[in-house]
Amino acid sequence: MKPKFAKESKVIKTHLVLPNETNNHSTLFGGILMRNVDEVASISARLHCRTDVVTASTDSVDFLNPIYQTDAVSLESFVTWTGKTSMEIFVKIIAEDFNTGKRRMAATAFLTFVSLGEDGKPTAVPEVIPETEEEKQLNKTGLERAKIRIGRRKQSKELAEFLTINKPWE
C-alpha cells in the first residue's frame, strides 16, 4: 500500500456561530464544536484511506479559549499518525473575531478512526508522510499517544465489565 502525504487528508471547514448554538455566556456550546470536530476528522480519515471509517475514540478535545457569537470558527484536520488499521486525526480549531479580524487558538483535538473493508471489518491503512514542521512534530509524538489510547481503552473495558446495564428502576 502506497504511503500518502498528510496534506492529502487536509480538510478545512469554517463555521458561523449562530445564536441558537450559544450558551448563557454567549459562547459556543462544546457539543456543537465536538460535532464539527468529528465531522471534519471523519472526512480526513476517509480521504486518507478511501474506505468507510468509524470513530474509535475522541482522545481529547482541549478547549483553550472561548468561541463567541461574534466569531467564525475554522477547523483544520489531517491524519498525523497511522497504525495497522487505525489513523490518528488532529483537529486545530481557530476562532476569528468578525469585528476585529483577530485570530486565536480556540481548541485542539485528537481522534482515532478505524478503516473498514467491504466486509465491515478493520482493514489496513496507508502510512502517512508528514512534510511541515507541524505535521512532523505531531507524527513524531503519535506513537506515544497511541500507547496511551491502548491503555485507556483497556481501563474502559475493565470498567464496563463492572458497570450494570439494568434499568434504574429494576
Protein backbone atom coordinates (compact mmCIF):
# COMPACT_ATOMS: atom_id res chain seq x y z
CA MET A 1 0.00 0.00 0.00
CA LYS A 2 1.46 3.32 -1.08
CA PRO A 3 2.06 5.91 1.70
CA LYS A 4 0.20 9.24 1.47
CA PHE A 5 1.19 12.76 2.41
CA ALA A 6 -0.59 14.30 5.40
CA LYS A 7 -1.72 17.20 3.20
CA GLU A 8 -3.77 14.75 1.11
CA SER A 9 -6.10 14.35 4.08
CA LYS A 10 -6.32 18.05 4.99
CA VAL A 11 -9.83 19.38 5.50
CA ILE A 12 -10.74 22.97 6.32
CA LYS A 13 -14.25 23.96 7.37
CA THR A 14 -15.39 27.39 8.52
CA HIS A 15 -18.42 27.54 10.78
CA LEU A 16 -20.52 30.60 11.56
CA VAL A 17 -21.51 30.72 15.24
CA LEU A 18 -25.27 31.23 15.40
CA PRO A 19 -27.32 32.50 18.38
CA ASN A 20 -29.06 29.14 18.94
CA GLU A 21 -25.63 27.45 19.26
CA THR A 22 -24.51 29.55 22.21
CA ASN A 23 -24.96 29.16 25.94
CA ASN A 24 -25.81 31.73 28.63
CA HIS A 25 -22.24 33.12 28.33
CA SER A 26 -22.78 33.80 24.61
CA THR A 27 -20.12 31.21 23.78
CA LEU A 28 -20.42 28.20 21.52
CA PHE A 29 -21.75 25.04 23.16
CA GLY A 30 -18.96 22.46 23.42
CA GLY A 31 -21.20 19.79 21.91
CA ILE A 32 -21.72 21.83 18.75
CA LEU A 33 -17.96 22.18 18.36
CA MET A 34 -17.42 18.46 19.05
CA ARG A 35 -19.90 17.54 16.31
CA ASN A 36 -17.99 19.68 13.83
CA VAL A 37 -14.68 18.22 15.02
CA ASP A 38 -15.92 14.65 14.45
CA GLU A 39 -17.26 15.60 11.03
CA VAL A 40 -14.02 17.11 9.67
CA ALA A 41 -11.91 14.37 11.25
CA SER A 42 -14.01 11.65 9.62
CA ILE A 43 -13.58 13.32 6.23
CA SER A 44 -9.80 13.45 6.73
CA ALA A 45 -9.79 9.76 7.65
CA ARG A 46 -11.78 8.82 4.55
CA LEU A 47 -9.58 10.92 2.29
CA HIS A 48 -6.53 9.11 3.66
CA CYS A 49 -7.72 5.51 3.37
CA ARG A 50 -10.55 5.82 0.79
CA THR A 51 -12.72 3.38 2.74
CA ASP A 52 -15.57 3.63 5.18
CA VAL A 53 -14.37 4.61 8.65
CA VAL A 54 -15.68 4.58 12.20
CA THR A 55 -14.72 6.79 15.10
CA ALA A 56 -12.81 4.60 17.55
CA SER A 57 -12.17 7.34 20.10
CA THR A 58 -12.13 11.01 20.74
CA ASP A 59 -8.85 11.10 22.58
CA SER A 60 -9.09 14.70 23.64
CA VAL A 61 -10.79 17.98 22.96
CA ASP A 62 -8.97 20.73 24.80
CA PHE A 63 -10.90 23.98 24.98
CA LEU A 64 -8.27 26.72 25.17
CA ASN A 65 -10.23 29.93 24.54
CA PRO A 66 -13.95 30.68 24.33
CA ILE A 67 -15.68 30.93 20.97
CA TYR A 68 -18.12 33.83 20.89
CA GLN A 69 -21.19 34.55 18.80
CA THR A 70 -19.15 37.26 17.04
CA ASP A 71 -16.67 34.62 15.80
CA ALA A 72 -16.21 32.42 12.80
CA VAL A 73 -14.63 29.08 13.64
CA SER A 74 -12.13 27.43 11.32
CA LEU A 75 -11.49 23.71 11.82
CA GLU A 76 -8.41 22.21 10.15
CA SER A 77 -7.93 18.45 10.26
CA PHE A 78 -5.45 15.94 8.86
CA VAL A 79 -4.03 12.48 9.51
CA THR A 80 -1.00 12.70 11.79
CA TRP A 81 -0.15 9.07 12.52
CA THR A 82 -1.24 5.62 11.40
CA GLY A 83 -1.25 2.17 12.90
CA LYS A 84 -2.15 -1.01 11.06
CA THR A 85 -5.88 -0.30 10.65
CA SER A 86 -6.28 2.94 12.57
CA MET A 87 -5.50 6.60 11.97
CA GLU A 88 -4.97 9.45 14.37
CA ILE A 89 -6.52 12.71 13.21
CA PHE A 90 -5.55 16.12 14.61
CA VAL A 91 -8.03 18.99 14.53
CA LYS A 92 -6.95 22.57 15.08
CA ILE A 93 -9.79 24.97 15.92
CA ILE A 94 -9.18 28.69 15.32
CA ALA A 95 -11.67 31.40 16.26
CA GLU A 96 -11.67 34.65 14.35
CA ASP A 97 -13.50 37.74 15.60
CA PHE A 98 -15.54 39.15 12.71
CA ASN A 99 -15.29 42.70 14.06
CA THR A 100 -11.51 42.88 14.64
CA GLY A 101 -10.12 40.07 12.48
CA LYS A 102 -8.08 38.79 15.44
CA ARG A 103 -7.49 35.04 15.39
CA ARG A 104 -6.85 32.82 18.40
CA MET A 105 -6.38 29.13 19.03
CA ALA A 106 -9.73 28.08 20.49
CA ALA A 107 -9.22 24.33 20.85
CA THR A 108 -7.30 21.27 19.72
CA ALA A 109 -8.48 17.69 19.36
CA PHE A 110 -7.15 14.22 18.62
CA LEU A 111 -9.45 11.48 17.33
CA THR A 112 -8.84 7.93 16.19
CA PHE A 113 -10.64 6.28 13.29
CA VAL A 114 -10.57 2.70 12.05
CA SER A 115 -10.69 1.88 8.35
CA LEU A 116 -13.33 -0.68 7.36
CA GLY A 117 -13.19 -3.03 4.40
CA GLU A 118 -16.18 -4.01 2.28
CA ASP A 119 -16.83 -6.83 4.78
CA GLY A 120 -17.19 -4.27 7.60
CA LYS A 121 -14.03 -5.47 9.31
CA PRO A 122 -10.91 -3.39 10.05
CA THR A 123 -8.58 -3.13 7.06
CA ALA A 124 -5.05 -1.81 6.52
CA VAL A 125 -4.42 1.91 6.06
CA PRO A 126 -1.60 3.63 4.17
CA GLU A 127 1.28 5.09 6.13
CA VAL A 128 1.24 8.88 6.47
CA ILE A 129 4.15 11.08 5.35
CA PRO A 130 4.50 14.36 7.25
CA GLU A 131 6.08 17.33 5.46
CA THR A 132 5.62 20.54 7.50
CA GLU A 133 7.19 21.09 10.92
CA GLU A 134 3.73 20.90 12.49
CA GLU A 135 3.00 17.58 10.75
CA LYS A 136 6.43 16.16 11.64
CA GLN A 137 6.07 17.02 15.34
CA LEU A 138 2.58 15.53 15.54
CA ASN A 139 3.74 12.40 13.71
CA LYS A 140 6.80 12.03 15.95
CA THR A 141 4.62 12.05 19.09
CA GLY A 142 1.85 9.87 17.61
CA LEU A 143 3.14 6.52 18.83
CA GLU A 144 3.18 7.71 22.44
CA ARG A 145 -0.42 8.90 22.16
CA ALA A 146 -1.36 5.53 20.61
CA LYS A 147 0.13 3.69 23.60
CA ILE A 148 -1.86 5.91 25.97
CA ARG A 149 -5.05 5.18 23.97
CA ILE A 150 -4.47 1.44 24.21
CA GLY A 151 -4.07 1.67 27.99
CA ARG A 152 -7.13 3.89 28.36
CA ARG A 153 -9.24 1.54 26.22
CA LYS A 154 -8.19 -1.41 28.40
CA GLN A 155 -9.24 0.52 31.51
CA SER A 156 -12.57 1.44 29.88
CA LYS A 157 -13.27 -2.21 29.07
CA GLU A 158 -12.47 -3.21 32.66
CA LEU A 159 -14.81 -0.51 33.97
CA ALA A 160 -17.56 -1.57 31.56
CA GLU A 161 -17.39 -5.12 32.96
CA PHE A 162 -18.13 -3.73 36.42
CA LEU A 163 -20.99 -1.42 35.42
CA THR A 164 -24.60 -2.51 35.40
CA ILE A 165 -26.82 -2.24 32.33
CA ASN A 166 -30.06 -2.73 34.26
CA LYS A 167 -32.75 -0.09 34.07
CA PRO A 168 -32.56 2.23 37.11
CA TRP A 169 -35.95 1.11 38.40
CA GLU A 170 -35.13 -2.60 38.28
